[in-house]
């Protein structure tokens, strides 16, 4: 596991975590969750193709959690009232 897909997933994970941790506003945080969803899907693919089921399972759960973050920041009615 040291190919370009793994590097893209790794850099994307760090970028997503940074977007959320730096708290640069709701829009940046929402995009951080979207990026987390994308890289989680990529990690699932990597885990399944590399026979690394713990990696795939963990990122399956993280995909659900980050999908919930996307819902909360972009689509939940209570958060859209101020838009």
PDB file of N, CA and C in Angstrom:
ATOM      1  N   UNK A   1       0.831  -1.183   0.000  1.00  0.00           N
ATOM      2  CA  UNK A   1       0.000   0.000   0.000  1.00  0.00           C
ATOM      3  C   UNK A   1       0.877   1.247   0.000  1.00  0.00           C
ATOM      4  N   UNK A   2       1.431   1.561  -1.120  1.00  0.00           N
ATOM      5  CA  UNK A   2       2.255   2.754  -1.209  1.00  0.00           C
ATOM      6  C   UNK A   2       2.157   3.354  -2.606  1.00  0.00           C
ATOM      7  N   UNK A   3       0.992   3.260  -3.199  1.00  0.00           N
ATOM      8  CA  UNK A   3       0.807   3.783  -4.545  1.00  0.00           C
ATOM      9  C   UNK A   3       0.206   5.173  -4.548  1.00  0.00           C
ATOM     10  N   UNK A   4      -0.055   5.700  -5.727  1.00  0.00           N
ATOM     11  CA  UNK A   4      -0.594   7.059  -5.824  1.00  0.00           C
ATOM     12  C   UNK A   4      -1.990   7.210  -5.224  1.00  0.00           C
ATOM     13  N   UNK A   5      -2.813   6.175  -5.295  1.00  0.00           N
ATOM     14  CA  UNK A   5      -4.163   6.278  -4.716  1.00  0.00           C
ATOM     15  C   UNK A   5      -4.081   6.427  -3.200  1.00  0.00           C
ATOM     16  N   UNK A   6      -3.190   5.699  -2.585  1.00  0.00           N
ATOM     17  CA  UNK A   6      -3.016   5.806  -1.136  1.00  0.00           C
ATOM     18  C   UNK A   6      -2.519   7.192  -0.742  1.00  0.00           C
ATOM     19  N   UNK A   7      -1.614   7.751  -1.548  1.00  0.00           N
ATOM     20  CA  UNK A   7      -1.109   9.096  -1.263  1.00  0.00           C
ATOM     21  C   UNK A   7      -2.208  10.141  -1.434  1.00  0.00           C
ATOM     22  N   UNK A   8      -3.025   9.996  -2.458  1.00  0.00           N
ATOM     23  CA  UNK A   8      -4.141  10.931  -2.659  1.00  0.00           C
ATOM     24  C   UNK A   8      -5.103  10.848  -1.472  1.00  0.00           C
ATOM     25  N   UNK A   9      -5.416   9.634  -1.052  1.00  0.00           N
ATOM     26  CA  UNK A   9      -6.309   9.458   0.094  1.00  0.00           C
ATOM     27  C   UNK A   9      -5.697  10.038   1.371  1.00  0.00           C
ATOM     28  N   UNK A  10      -4.406   9.850   1.560  1.00  0.00           N
ATOM     29  CA  UNK A  10      -3.736  10.368   2.755  1.00  0.00           C
ATOM     30  C   UNK A  10      -3.735  11.892   2.784  1.00  0.00           C
ATOM     31  N   UNK A  11      -3.361  12.502   1.682  1.00  0.00           N
ATOM     32  CA  UNK A  11      -3.325  13.969   1.608  1.00  0.00           C
ATOM     33  C   UNK A  11      -4.738  14.528   1.758  1.00  0.00           C
ATOM     34  N   UNK A  12      -5.706  13.880   1.130  1.00  0.00           N
ATOM     35  CA  UNK A  12      -7.096  14.325   1.254  1.00  0.00           C
ATOM     36  C   UNK A  12      -7.604  14.235   2.674  1.00  0.00           C
ATOM     37  N   UNK A  13      -7.204  13.195   3.389  1.00  0.00           N
ATOM     38  CA  UNK A  13      -7.615  13.048   4.785  1.00  0.00           C
ATOM     39  C   UNK A  13      -7.039  14.168   5.647  1.00  0.00           C
ATOM     40  N   UNK A  14      -5.772  14.476   5.450  1.00  0.00           N
ATOM     41  CA  UNK A  14      -5.139  15.561   6.211  1.00  0.00           C
ATOM     42  C   UNK A  14      -5.782  16.904   5.859  1.00  0.00           C
ATOM     43  N   UNK A  15      -6.059  17.123   4.593  1.00  0.00           N
ATOM     44  CA  UNK A  15      -6.694  18.380   4.166  1.00  0.00           C
ATOM     45  C   UNK A  15      -8.089  18.517   4.774  1.00  0.00           C
ATOM     46  N   UNK A  16      -8.868  17.446   4.760  1.00  0.00           N
ATOM     47  CA  UNK A  16     -10.220  17.488   5.324  1.00  0.00           C
ATOM     48  C   UNK A  16     -10.180  17.760   6.823  1.00  0.00           C
ATOM     49  N   UNK A  17      -9.293  17.086   7.531  1.00  0.00           N
ATOM     50  CA  UNK A  17      -9.161  17.304   8.970  1.00  0.00           C
ATOM     51  C   UNK A  17      -8.756  18.745   9.258  1.00  0.00           C
ATOM     52  N   UNK A  18      -7.876  19.299   8.438  1.00  0.00           N
ATOM     53  CA  UNK A  18      -7.444  20.683   8.618  1.00  0.00           C
ATOM     54  C   UNK A  18      -8.591  21.656   8.380  1.00  0.00           C
ATOM     55  N   UNK A  19      -9.384  21.406   7.351  1.00  0.00           N
ATOM     56  CA  UNK A  19     -10.514  22.290   7.055  1.00  0.00           C
ATOM     57  C   UNK A  19     -11.498  22.337   8.216  1.00  0.00           C
ATOM     58  N   UNK A  20     -11.681  21.226   8.888  1.00  0.00           N
ATOM     59  CA  UNK A  20     -12.601  21.191  10.021  1.00  0.00           C
ATOM     60  C   UNK A  20     -11.945  21.764  11.271  1.00  0.00           C
ATOM     61  N   UNK A  21     -10.699  21.414  11.527  1.00  0.00           N
ATOM     62  CA  UNK A  21     -10.009  21.844  12.749  1.00  0.00           C
ATOM     63  C   UNK A  21      -9.739  23.344  12.790  1.00  0.00           C
ATOM     64  N   UNK A  22      -9.450  23.946  11.637  1.00  0.00           N
ATOM     65  CA  UNK A  22      -9.142  25.379  11.630  1.00  0.00           C
ATOM     66  C   UNK A  22     -10.385  26.240  11.795  1.00  0.00           C
ATOM     67  N   UNK A  23     -11.574  25.647  11.712  1.00  0.00           N
ATOM     68  CA  UNK A  23     -12.837  26.342  11.959  1.00  0.00           C
ATOM     69  C   UNK A  23     -12.905  27.668  11.198  1.00  0.00           C
ATOM     70  N   UNK A  24     -12.803  27.565   9.870  1.00  0.00           N
ATOM     71  CA  UNK A  24     -12.799  28.748   9.011  1.00  0.00           C
ATOM     72  C   UNK A  24     -14.211  29.129   8.560  1.00  0.00           C
ATOM     73  N   UNK A  25     -15.210  28.645   9.257  1.00  0.00           N
ATOM     74  CA  UNK A  25     -16.585  28.975   8.924  1.00  0.00           C
ATOM     75  C   UNK A  25     -17.361  27.739   8.510  1.00  0.00           C
ATOM     76  N   UNK A  26     -18.674  27.900   8.453  1.00  0.00           N
ATOM     77  CA  UNK A  26     -19.558  26.774   8.157  1.00  0.00           C
ATOM     78  C   UNK A  26     -19.312  26.188   6.781  1.00  0.00           C
ATOM     79  N   UNK A  27     -19.092  27.045   5.783  1.00  0.00           N
ATOM     80  CA  UNK A  27     -18.910  26.545   4.417  1.00  0.00           C
ATOM     81  C   UNK A  27     -17.630  25.710   4.308  1.00  0.00           C
ATOM     82  N   UNK A  28     -16.538  26.181   4.881  1.00  0.00           N
ATOM     83  CA  UNK A  28     -15.280  25.421   4.834  1.00  0.00           C
ATOM     84  C   UNK A  28     -15.416  24.112   5.601  1.00  0.00           C
ATOM     85  N   UNK A  29     -16.106  24.147   6.732  1.00  0.00           N
ATOM     86  CA  UNK A  29     -16.316  22.924   7.500  1.00  0.00           C
ATOM     87  C   UNK A  29     -17.168  21.939   6.713  1.00  0.00           C
ATOM     88  N   UNK A  30     -18.205  22.432   6.065  1.00  0.00           N
ATOM     89  CA  UNK A  30     -19.056  21.560   5.247  1.00  0.00           C
ATOM     90  C   UNK A  30     -18.252  20.918   4.120  1.00  0.00           C
ATOM     91  N   UNK A  31     -17.397  21.698   3.453  1.00  0.00           N
ATOM     92  CA  UNK A  31     -16.550  21.134   2.402  1.00  0.00           C
ATOM     93  C   UNK A  31     -15.549  20.143   2.971  1.00  0.00           C
ATOM     94  N   UNK A  32     -15.096  20.364   4.211  1.00  0.00           N
ATOM     95  CA  UNK A  32     -14.219  19.405   4.869  1.00  0.00           C
ATOM     96  C   UNK A  32     -14.914  18.061   5.053  1.00  0.00           C
ATOM     97  N   UNK A  33     -16.185  18.095   5.442  1.00  0.00           N
ATOM     98  CA  UNK A  33     -16.944  16.855   5.579  1.00  0.00           C
ATOM     99  C   UNK A  33     -17.152  16.179   4.224  1.00  0.00           C
ATOM    100  N   UNK A  34     -17.391  16.960   3.181  1.00  0.00           N
ATOM    101  CA  UNK A  34     -17.530  16.383   1.843  1.00  0.00           C
ATOM    102  C   UNK A  34     -16.232  15.698   1.428  1.00  0.00           C
ATOM    103  N   UNK A  35     -15.113  16.374   1.665  1.00  0.00           N
ATOM    104  CA  UNK A  35     -13.818  15.782   1.334  1.00  0.00           C
ATOM    105  C   UNK A  35     -13.573  14.517   2.150  1.00  0.00           C
ATOM    106  N   UNK A  36     -13.938  14.553   3.441  1.00  0.00           N
ATOM    107  CA  UNK A  36     -13.815  13.346   4.262  1.00  0.00           C
ATOM    108  C   UNK A  36     -14.630  12.204   3.677  1.00  0.00           C
ATOM    109  N   UNK A  37     -15.831  12.476   3.174  1.00  0.00           N
ATOM    110  CA  UNK A  37     -16.655  11.431   2.555  1.00  0.00           C
ATOM    111  C   UNK A  37     -15.949  10.850   1.329  1.00  0.00           C
ATOM    112  N   UNK A  38     -15.386  11.719   0.513  1.00  0.00           N
ATOM    113  CA  UNK A  38     -14.706  11.255  -0.704  1.00  0.00           C
ATOM    114  C   UNK A  38     -13.502  10.383  -0.363  1.00  0.00           C
ATOM    115  N   UNK A  39     -12.686  10.824   0.586  1.00  0.00           N
ATOM    116  CA  UNK A  39     -11.497  10.027   0.909  1.00  0.00           C
ATOM    117  C   UNK A  39     -11.865   8.768   1.677  1.00  0.00           C
ATOM    118  N   UNK A  40     -12.952   8.799   2.444  1.00  0.00           N
ATOM    119  CA  UNK A  40     -13.405   7.573   3.099  1.00  0.00           C
ATOM    120  C   UNK A  40     -13.803   6.533   2.067  1.00  0.00           C
ATOM    121  N   UNK A  41     -14.505   6.968   1.025  1.00  0.00           N
ATOM    122  CA  UNK A  41     -14.864   6.045  -0.055  1.00  0.00           C
ATOM    123  C   UNK A  41     -13.607   5.498  -0.731  1.00  0.00           C
ATOM    124  N   UNK A  42     -12.624   6.358  -0.906  1.00  0.00           N
ATOM    125  CA  UNK A  42     -11.362   5.913  -1.501  1.00  0.00           C
ATOM    126  C   UNK A  42     -10.654   4.908  -0.592  1.00  0.00           C
ATOM    127  N   UNK A  43     -10.644   5.163   0.712  1.00  0.00           N
ATOM    128  CA  UNK A  43     -10.029   4.222   1.651  1.00  0.00           C
ATOM    129  C   UNK A  43     -10.777   2.896   1.677  1.00  0.00           C
ATOM    130  N   UNK A  44     -12.100   2.926   1.527  1.00  0.00           N
ATOM    131  CA  UNK A  44     -12.861   1.681   1.455  1.00  0.00           C
ATOM    132  C   UNK A  44     -12.412   0.876   0.240  1.00  0.00           C
ATOM    133  N   UNK A  45     -12.304   1.542  -0.901  1.00  0.00           N
ATOM    134  CA  UNK A  45     -11.834   0.878  -2.116  1.00  0.00           C
ATOM    135  C   UNK A  45     -10.443   0.268  -1.899  1.00  0.00           C
ATOM    136  N   UNK A  46      -9.554   1.057  -1.303  1.00  0.00           N
ATOM    137  CA  UNK A  46      -8.195   0.572  -1.047  1.00  0.00           C
ATOM    138  C   UNK A  46      -8.232  -0.635  -0.113  1.00  0.00           C
ATOM    139  N   UNK A  47      -9.004  -0.536   0.953  1.00  0.00           N
ATOM    140  CA  UNK A  47      -9.092  -1.639   1.901  1.00  0.00           C
ATOM    141  C   UNK A  47      -9.628  -2.922   1.276  1.00  0.00           C
ATOM    142  N   UNK A  48     -10.624  -2.780   0.408  1.00  0.00           N
ATOM    143  CA  UNK A  48     -11.193  -3.973  -0.231  1.00  0.00           C
ATOM    144  C   UNK A  48     -10.252  -4.575  -1.261  1.00  0.00           C
ATOM    145  N   UNK A  49      -9.555  -3.746  -2.014  1.00  0.00           N
ATOM    146  CA  UNK A  49      -8.657  -4.264  -3.047  1.00  0.00           C
ATOM    147  C   UNK A  49      -7.336  -4.763  -2.482  1.00  0.00           C
ATOM    148  N   UNK A  50      -6.943  -4.278  -1.330  1.00  0.00           N
ATOM    149  CA  UNK A  50      -5.680  -4.692  -0.711  1.00  0.00           C
ATOM    150  C   UNK A  50      -5.890  -5.724   0.396  1.00  0.00           C
ATOM    151  N   UNK A  51      -7.109  -6.250   0.521  1.00  0.00           N
ATOM    152  CA  UNK A  51      -7.438  -7.241   1.542  1.00  0.00           C
ATOM    153  C   UNK A  51      -7.137  -6.714   2.941  1.00  0.00           C
ATOM    154  N   UNK A  52      -7.508  -5.460   3.174  1.00  0.00           N
ATOM    155  CA  UNK A  52      -7.333  -4.823   4.478  1.00  0.00           C
ATOM    156  C   UNK A  52      -8.726  -4.476   5.021  1.00  0.00           C
ATOM    157  N   UNK A  53      -9.427  -5.507   5.459  1.00  0.00           N
ATOM    158  CA  UNK A  53     -10.810  -5.324   5.904  1.00  0.00           C
ATOM    159  C   UNK A  53     -10.970  -4.366   7.084  1.00  0.00           C
ATOM    160  N   UNK A  54     -10.055  -4.340   8.068  1.00  0.00           N
ATOM    161  CA  UNK A  54     -10.214  -3.354   9.140  1.00  0.00           C
ATOM    162  C   UNK A  54     -10.212  -1.909   8.605  1.00  0.00           C
ATOM    163  N   UNK A  55      -9.376  -1.632   7.628  1.00  0.00           N
ATOM    164  CA  UNK A  55      -9.325  -0.310   7.021  1.00  0.00           C
ATOM    165  C   UNK A  55     -10.641   0.001   6.312  1.00  0.00           C
ATOM    166  N   UNK A  56     -11.165  -0.962   5.564  1.00  0.00           N
ATOM    167  CA  UNK A  56     -12.424  -0.768   4.851  1.00  0.00           C
ATOM    168  C   UNK A  56     -13.582  -0.591   5.833  1.00  0.00           C
ATOM    169  N   UNK A  57     -13.628  -1.403   6.880  1.00  0.00           N
ATOM    170  CA  UNK A  57     -14.713  -1.319   7.859  1.00  0.00           C
ATOM    171  C   UNK A  57     -14.682   0.013   8.612  1.00  0.00           C
ATOM    172  N   UNK A  58     -13.501   0.419   9.052  1.00  0.00           N
ATOM    173  CA  UNK A  58     -13.380   1.687   9.770  1.00  0.00           C
ATOM    174  C   UNK A  58     -13.851   2.845   8.900  1.00  0.00           C
ATOM    175  N   UNK A  59     -13.446   2.853   7.655  1.00  0.00           N
ATOM    176  CA  UNK A  59     -13.827   3.950   6.779  1.00  0.00           C
ATOM    177  C   UNK A  59     -15.283   3.863   6.340  1.00  0.00           C
ATOM    178  N   UNK A  60     -15.866   2.678   6.380  1.00  0.00           N
ATOM    179  CA  UNK A  60     -17.303   2.572   6.162  1.00  0.00           C
ATOM    180  C   UNK A  60     -18.063   3.314   7.245  1.00  0.00           C
ATOM    181  N   UNK A  61     -17.644   3.125   8.496  1.00  0.00           N
ATOM    182  CA  UNK A  61     -18.265   3.856   9.599  1.00  0.00           C
ATOM    183  C   UNK A  61     -17.967   5.350   9.525  1.00  0.00           C
ATOM    184  N   UNK A  62     -16.738   5.699   9.172  1.00  0.00           N
ATOM    185  CA  UNK A  62     -16.391   7.117   9.036  1.00  0.00           C
ATOM    186  C   UNK A  62     -17.166   7.782   7.910  1.00  0.00           C
ATOM    187  N   UNK A  63     -17.441   7.047   6.852  1.00  0.00           N
ATOM    188  CA  UNK A  63     -18.254   7.591   5.757  1.00  0.00           C
ATOM    189  C   UNK A  63     -19.653   7.939   6.261  1.00  0.00           C
ATOM    190  N   UNK A  64     -20.239   7.074   7.081  1.00  0.00           N
ATOM    191  CA  UNK A  64     -21.552   7.368   7.654  1.00  0.00           C
ATOM    192  C   UNK A  64     -21.498   8.587   8.577  1.00  0.00           C
ATOM    193  N   UNK A  65     -20.484   8.649   9.424  1.00  0.00           N
ATOM    194  CA  UNK A  65     -20.342   9.777  10.353  1.00  0.00           C
ATOM    195  C   UNK A  65     -20.143  11.083   9.590  1.00  0.00           C
ATOM    196  N   UNK A  66     -19.276  11.068   8.582  1.00  0.00           N
ATOM    197  CA  UNK A  66     -19.014  12.288   7.821  1.00  0.00           C
ATOM    198  C   UNK A  66     -20.195  12.656   6.925  1.00  0.00           C
ATOM    199  N   UNK A  67     -20.929  11.659   6.458  1.00  0.00           N
ATOM    200  CA  UNK A  67     -22.167  11.948   5.742  1.00  0.00           C
ATOM    201  C   UNK A  67     -23.155  12.667   6.632  1.00  0.00           C
ATOM    202  N   UNK A  68     -23.205  12.266   7.895  1.00  0.00           N
ATOM    203  CA  UNK A  68     -24.044  12.972   8.861  1.00  0.00           C
ATOM    204  C   UNK A  68     -23.564  14.423   9.034  1.00  0.00           C
ATOM    205  N   UNK A  69     -22.250  14.623   9.022  1.00  0.00           N
ATOM    206  CA  UNK A  69     -21.702  15.984   9.101  1.00  0.00           C
ATOM    207  C   UNK A  69     -22.120  16.819   7.907  1.00  0.00           C
ATOM    208  N   UNK A  70     -22.103  16.239   6.721  1.00  0.00           N
ATOM    209  CA  UNK A  70     -22.564  16.965   5.522  1.00  0.00           C
ATOM    210  C   UNK A  70     -24.031  17.346   5.702  1.00  0.00           C
ATOM    211  N   UNK A  71     -24.842  16.409   6.150  1.00  0.00           N
ATOM    212  CA  UNK A  71     -26.268  16.691   6.380  1.00  0.00           C
ATOM    213  C   UNK A  71     -26.424  17.841   7.379  1.00  0.00           C
ATOM    214  N   UNK A  72     -25.692  17.776   8.482  1.00  0.00           N
ATOM    215  CA  UNK A  72     -25.822  18.799   9.519  1.00  0.00           C
ATOM    216  C   UNK A  72     -25.411  20.181   9.032  1.00  0.00           C
ATOM    217  N   UNK A  73     -24.333  20.260   8.272  1.00  0.00           N
ATOM    218  CA  UNK A  73     -23.810  21.561   7.871  1.00  0.00           C
ATOM    219  C   UNK A  73     -24.472  22.131   6.630  1.00  0.00           C
ATOM    220  N   UNK A  74     -25.013  21.291   5.741  1.00  0.00           N
ATOM    221  CA  UNK A  74     -25.560  21.809   4.495  1.00  0.00           C
ATOM    222  C   UNK A  74     -27.055  21.663   4.339  1.00  0.00           C
ATOM    223  N   UNK A  75     -27.618  20.592   4.869  1.00  0.00           N
ATOM    224  CA  UNK A  75     -28.990  20.278   4.516  1.00  0.00           C
ATOM    225  C   UNK A  75     -29.993  20.310   5.660  1.00  0.00           C
ATOM    226  N   UNK A  76     -29.540  20.271   6.879  1.00  0.00           N
ATOM    227  CA  UNK A  76     -30.474  20.231   8.001  1.00  0.00           C
ATOM    228  C   UNK A  76     -31.262  21.531   8.062  1.00  0.00           C
ATOM    229  N   UNK A  77     -32.595  21.456   8.143  1.00  0.00           N
ATOM    230  CA  UNK A  77     -33.435  22.671   8.124  1.00  0.00           C
ATOM    231  C   UNK A  77     -33.097  23.694   9.196  1.00  0.00           C
ATOM    232  N   UNK A  78     -32.723  23.260  10.394  1.00  0.00           N
ATOM    233  CA  UNK A  78     -32.424  24.229  11.451  1.00  0.00           C
ATOM    234  C   UNK A  78     -31.199  25.079  11.123  1.00  0.00           C
ATOM    235  N   UNK A  79     -30.305  24.556  10.306  1.00  0.00           N
ATOM    236  CA  UNK A  79     -29.100  25.307   9.950  1.00  0.00           C
ATOM    237  C   UNK A  79     -29.254  26.110   8.670  1.00  0.00           C
ATOM    238  N   UNK A  80     -30.318  25.876   7.932  1.00  0.00           N
ATOM    239  CA  UNK A  80     -30.529  26.592   6.674  1.00  0.00           C
ATOM    240  C   UNK A  80     -31.384  27.837   6.878  1.00  0.00           C
ATOM    241  N   UNK A  81     -31.966  28.014   8.054  1.00  0.00           N
ATOM    242  CA  UNK A  81     -32.858  29.152   8.299  1.00  0.00           C
ATOM    243  C   UNK A  81     -32.123  30.477   8.149  1.00  0.00           C
ATOM    244  N   UNK A  82     -30.844  30.514   8.481  1.00  0.00           N
ATOM    245  CA  UNK A  82     -30.082  31.766   8.416  1.00  0.00           C
ATOM    246  C   UNK A  82     -29.467  32.042   7.068  1.00  0.00           C
ATOM    247  N   UNK A  83     -29.610  31.137   6.082  1.00  0.00           N
ATOM    248  CA  UNK A  83     -28.988  31.335   4.772  1.00  0.00           C
ATOM    249  C   UNK A  83     -29.679  32.391   3.944  1.00  0.00           C
TER     250      UNK A  83
END
